[in-house]
């Protein structure tokens, strides 16, 4: 991530902490931004929903946001705050595009709050975080997948959506909210090139000291 990204995330962490928010919401936003930068600002990511991904039965698969997320994404893109937020506008367009981000994206309602706060609209330092973000809520399979009504054999350019599962030799690790939070933060810190949260905060806040 570039210097502006780090400065922006440092400000978001500080604001979210002051507002009593679960910082996992910021972790998720930071991880999405880090992945976007790692992928050459999204340029090397393949666009989904082009009709070339099929399931094992030959049906074409499409993914989209849930209705709630789609409505929030639309509000973000139509908002006045978007015009003046320092968060990269191309990243916002990318992360709210179902063809790139339906399967993985930060919480859109939190993102909307961040954009409102860090814009001309939210220049008042007392701008509150509305809604309940005190505890991070993980929603499994937070997208809608549909498949075409026409069944046909895959073409040579099609991508198969089914992968044989490896044989299980040990009992899988139990997935909990805490384990998901830890995995997300480890991925974010790896993307930032730091080993622990103390180092991460040093990177994010060094320009504020």
Protein backbone atom coordinates (compact mmCIF):
# COMPACT_ATOMS: atom_id res chain seq x y z
CA UNK A 1 0.00 0.00 0.00
CA UNK A 2 1.14 3.55 -0.60
CA UNK A 3 1.72 6.28 1.97
CA UNK A 4 -1.73 7.80 1.48
CA UNK A 5 -3.35 4.40 2.10
CA UNK A 6 -1.42 3.96 5.35
CA UNK A 7 -2.21 7.46 6.55
CA UNK A 8 -5.88 7.00 5.76
CA UNK A 9 -6.12 3.64 7.54
CA UNK A 10 -4.32 5.08 10.55
CA UNK A 11 -6.98 7.78 10.78
CA UNK A 12 -9.77 5.21 10.39
CA UNK A 13 -8.31 3.00 13.15
CA UNK A 14 -8.06 5.99 15.46
CA UNK A 15 -11.64 7.13 14.74
CA UNK A 16 -13.12 3.62 14.99
CA UNK A 17 -11.36 3.00 18.29
CA UNK A 18 -12.64 6.30 19.70
CA UNK A 19 -16.16 5.29 18.61
CA UNK A 20 -15.93 1.91 20.33
CA UNK A 21 -16.08 -0.09 17.10
CA UNK A 22 -14.65 -3.56 16.71
CA UNK A 23 -11.40 -2.91 14.82
CA UNK A 24 -11.98 -6.04 12.75
CA UNK A 25 -14.14 -3.85 10.53
CA UNK A 26 -11.08 -1.72 9.79
CA UNK A 27 -8.92 -4.84 9.37
CA UNK A 28 -11.31 -6.07 6.69
CA UNK A 29 -11.24 -2.74 4.85
CA UNK A 30 -7.45 -2.63 5.08
CA UNK A 31 -7.09 -6.19 3.81
CA UNK A 32 -9.33 -5.45 0.81
CA UNK A 33 -7.29 -2.35 0.00
CA UNK A 34 -4.01 -4.27 0.38
CA UNK A 35 -5.20 -7.00 -1.97
CA UNK A 36 -6.34 -4.38 -4.47
CA UNK A 37 -2.86 -2.82 -4.48
CA UNK A 38 -1.18 -6.24 -4.68
CA UNK A 39 -3.21 -6.97 -7.80
CA UNK A 40 -1.97 -3.85 -9.60
CA UNK A 41 -4.97 -1.81 -8.49
CA UNK A 42 -7.27 -4.63 -9.56
CA UNK A 43 -6.00 -4.67 -13.13
CA UNK A 44 -4.79 -8.28 -13.02
CA UNK A 45 -8.04 -9.58 -11.52
CA UNK A 46 -10.39 -11.41 -13.87
CA UNK A 47 -13.89 -10.02 -14.16
CA UNK A 48 -16.54 -12.51 -13.07
CA UNK A 49 -20.05 -13.01 -14.46
CA UNK A 50 -18.83 -13.22 -18.06
CA UNK A 51 -20.63 -16.49 -18.73
CA UNK A 52 -17.54 -18.70 -18.73
CA UNK A 53 -17.74 -20.29 -15.26
CA UNK A 54 -19.78 -23.48 -15.03
CA UNK A 55 -20.62 -25.94 -12.32
CA UNK A 56 -20.17 -29.69 -12.54
CA UNK A 57 -23.54 -30.08 -14.26
CA UNK A 58 -22.75 -27.60 -17.03
CA UNK A 59 -24.79 -24.63 -15.82
CA UNK A 60 -23.31 -21.13 -16.05
CA UNK A 61 -22.72 -19.55 -12.62
CA UNK A 62 -23.24 -15.89 -11.72
CA UNK A 63 -22.60 -14.12 -8.41
CA UNK A 64 -23.96 -10.86 -7.11
CA UNK A 65 -24.27 -8.91 -3.86
CA UNK A 66 -27.14 -9.49 -1.50
CA UNK A 67 -29.97 -7.00 -1.97
CA UNK A 68 -28.93 -5.17 1.20
CA UNK A 69 -25.29 -4.89 0.13
CA UNK A 70 -26.27 -3.87 -3.40
CA UNK A 71 -28.44 -1.07 -2.03
CA UNK A 72 -25.63 0.16 0.26
CA UNK A 73 -23.10 0.02 -2.58
CA UNK A 74 -25.45 2.09 -4.74
CA UNK A 75 -25.84 4.69 -1.95
CA UNK A 76 -22.05 4.91 -1.65
CA UNK A 77 -21.60 5.46 -5.38
CA UNK A 78 -24.34 8.11 -5.51
CA UNK A 79 -23.32 9.94 -2.33
CA UNK A 80 -21.98 13.48 -2.14
CA UNK A 81 -19.38 12.27 0.36
CA UNK A 82 -17.76 10.10 -2.32
CA UNK A 83 -16.69 13.22 -4.19
CA UNK A 84 -14.42 14.44 -1.38
CA UNK A 85 -13.24 11.32 0.48
CA UNK A 86 -9.47 10.71 0.32
CA UNK A 87 -10.05 6.97 -0.02
CA UNK A 88 -9.08 5.96 -3.56
CA UNK A 89 -12.18 6.39 -5.72
CA UNK A 90 -11.11 3.66 -8.13
CA UNK A 91 -10.78 1.25 -5.21
CA UNK A 92 -14.29 2.16 -4.07
CA UNK A 93 -15.60 1.53 -7.59
CA UNK A 94 -13.78 -1.80 -7.69
CA UNK A 95 -14.91 -3.03 -4.29
CA UNK A 96 -18.56 -2.12 -4.99
CA UNK A 97 -18.55 -3.87 -8.39
CA UNK A 98 -20.18 -7.30 -8.13
CA UNK A 99 -18.10 -8.58 -11.03
CA UNK A 100 -14.94 -8.17 -8.94
CA UNK A 101 -16.02 -8.23 -5.31
CA UNK A 102 -19.25 -10.21 -4.84
CA UNK A 103 -17.41 -13.07 -3.14
CA UNK A 104 -15.21 -10.98 -0.85
CA UNK A 105 -15.59 -7.40 0.31
CA UNK A 106 -15.53 -5.34 3.52
CA UNK A 107 -18.74 -4.50 5.35
CA UNK A 108 -20.43 -1.97 3.06
CA UNK A 109 -22.37 -0.26 5.84
CA UNK A 110 -19.12 0.35 7.72
CA UNK A 111 -17.46 1.52 4.49
CA UNK A 112 -20.32 3.96 3.97
CA UNK A 113 -19.76 5.34 7.48
CA UNK A 114 -16.03 5.71 6.82
CA UNK A 115 -16.61 7.57 3.56
CA UNK A 116 -19.10 9.89 5.26
CA UNK A 117 -16.69 10.61 8.12
CA UNK A 118 -13.64 11.16 5.96
CA UNK A 119 -15.09 13.64 3.51
CA UNK A 120 -16.12 17.30 3.58
CA UNK A 121 -19.43 16.07 4.97
CA UNK A 122 -17.67 14.71 8.05
CA UNK A 123 -15.10 17.42 8.70
CA UNK A 124 -16.56 17.86 12.17
CA UNK A 125 -14.23 15.75 14.36
CA UNK A 126 -17.20 14.71 16.50
CA UNK A 127 -18.87 12.91 13.56
CA UNK A 128 -20.38 9.81 15.22
CA UNK A 129 -20.34 6.24 13.98
CA UNK A 130 -24.01 5.38 13.59
CA UNK A 131 -25.22 1.80 13.81
CA UNK A 132 -23.91 -1.04 15.91
CA UNK A 133 -20.32 -1.92 15.02
CA UNK A 134 -19.22 -2.82 18.55
CA UNK A 135 -18.86 -6.51 17.65
CA UNK A 136 -17.81 -7.80 14.25
CA UNK A 137 -20.37 -10.05 12.60
CA UNK A 138 -19.13 -12.62 10.11
CA UNK A 139 -21.70 -13.72 7.54
CA UNK A 140 -20.79 -16.92 5.73
CA UNK A 141 -21.46 -16.98 1.98
CA UNK A 142 -22.54 -13.36 2.00
CA UNK A 143 -23.47 -13.28 -1.68
CA UNK A 144 -26.12 -14.64 -4.01
CA UNK A 145 -25.22 -17.25 -6.61
CA UNK A 146 -27.48 -18.15 -9.50
CA UNK A 147 -27.05 -20.40 -12.47
CA UNK A 148 -28.38 -20.24 -16.00
CA UNK A 149 -31.32 -22.33 -17.10
CA UNK A 150 -29.39 -23.71 -20.06
CA UNK A 151 -27.17 -26.72 -19.49
CA UNK A 152 -24.32 -27.43 -21.89
CA UNK A 153 -20.87 -28.93 -22.02
CA UNK A 154 -18.04 -26.56 -21.02
CA UNK A 155 -16.05 -24.86 -23.79
CA UNK A 156 -12.26 -24.91 -23.81
CA UNK A 157 -12.22 -21.34 -22.39
CA UNK A 158 -14.65 -22.11 -19.58
CA UNK A 159 -13.61 -22.36 -15.96
CA UNK A 160 -14.85 -25.28 -13.90
CA UNK A 161 -16.21 -24.27 -10.52
CA UNK A 162 -15.80 -27.66 -8.88
CA UNK A 163 -12.58 -28.90 -7.31
CA UNK A 164 -12.33 -32.35 -5.71
CA UNK A 165 -11.96 -31.98 -1.98
CA UNK A 166 -8.74 -33.47 -0.57
CA UNK A 167 -9.19 -36.47 1.71
CA UNK A 168 -9.58 -35.51 5.35
CA UNK A 169 -6.89 -37.06 7.49
CA UNK A 170 -7.49 -35.02 10.64
CA UNK A 171 -10.44 -33.34 12.26
CA UNK A 172 -10.80 -29.85 10.74
CA UNK A 173 -10.07 -26.87 12.93
CA UNK A 174 -13.25 -25.37 14.33
CA UNK A 175 -14.13 -22.08 12.66
CA UNK A 176 -15.01 -19.38 15.17
CA UNK A 177 -15.37 -15.62 14.94
CA UNK A 178 -12.09 -15.26 16.82
CA UNK A 179 -10.25 -17.58 14.42
CA UNK A 180 -11.63 -15.66 11.43
CA UNK A 181 -10.57 -12.38 13.05
CA UNK A 182 -7.07 -13.77 13.66
CA UNK A 183 -6.76 -15.06 10.08
CA UNK A 184 -7.89 -11.71 8.68
CA UNK A 185 -5.41 -9.76 10.78
CA UNK A 186 -2.55 -12.13 9.91
CA UNK A 187 -3.33 -11.69 6.21
CA UNK A 188 -3.49 -7.91 6.61
CA UNK A 189 -0.20 -7.77 8.52
CA UNK A 190 1.46 -9.99 5.90
CA UNK A 191 0.27 -7.62 3.18
CA UNK A 192 1.67 -4.69 5.19
CA UNK A 193 4.99 -6.46 5.74
CA UNK A 194 4.82 -6.43 9.55
CA UNK A 195 4.88 -9.23 12.11
CA UNK A 196 2.60 -7.97 14.86
CA UNK A 197 0.01 -5.33 15.68
CA UNK A 198 2.53 -3.11 17.45
CA UNK A 199 4.53 -2.91 14.24
CA UNK A 200 1.37 -2.36 12.22
CA UNK A 201 0.34 0.61 14.34
CA UNK A 202 3.88 2.00 14.12
CA UNK A 203 3.56 1.92 10.33
CA UNK A 204 0.09 3.44 10.26
CA UNK A 205 0.66 6.14 12.86
CA UNK A 206 4.27 7.13 12.21
CA UNK A 207 3.16 10.16 10.18
CA UNK A 208 0.97 11.36 13.04
CA UNK A 209 3.74 11.61 15.63
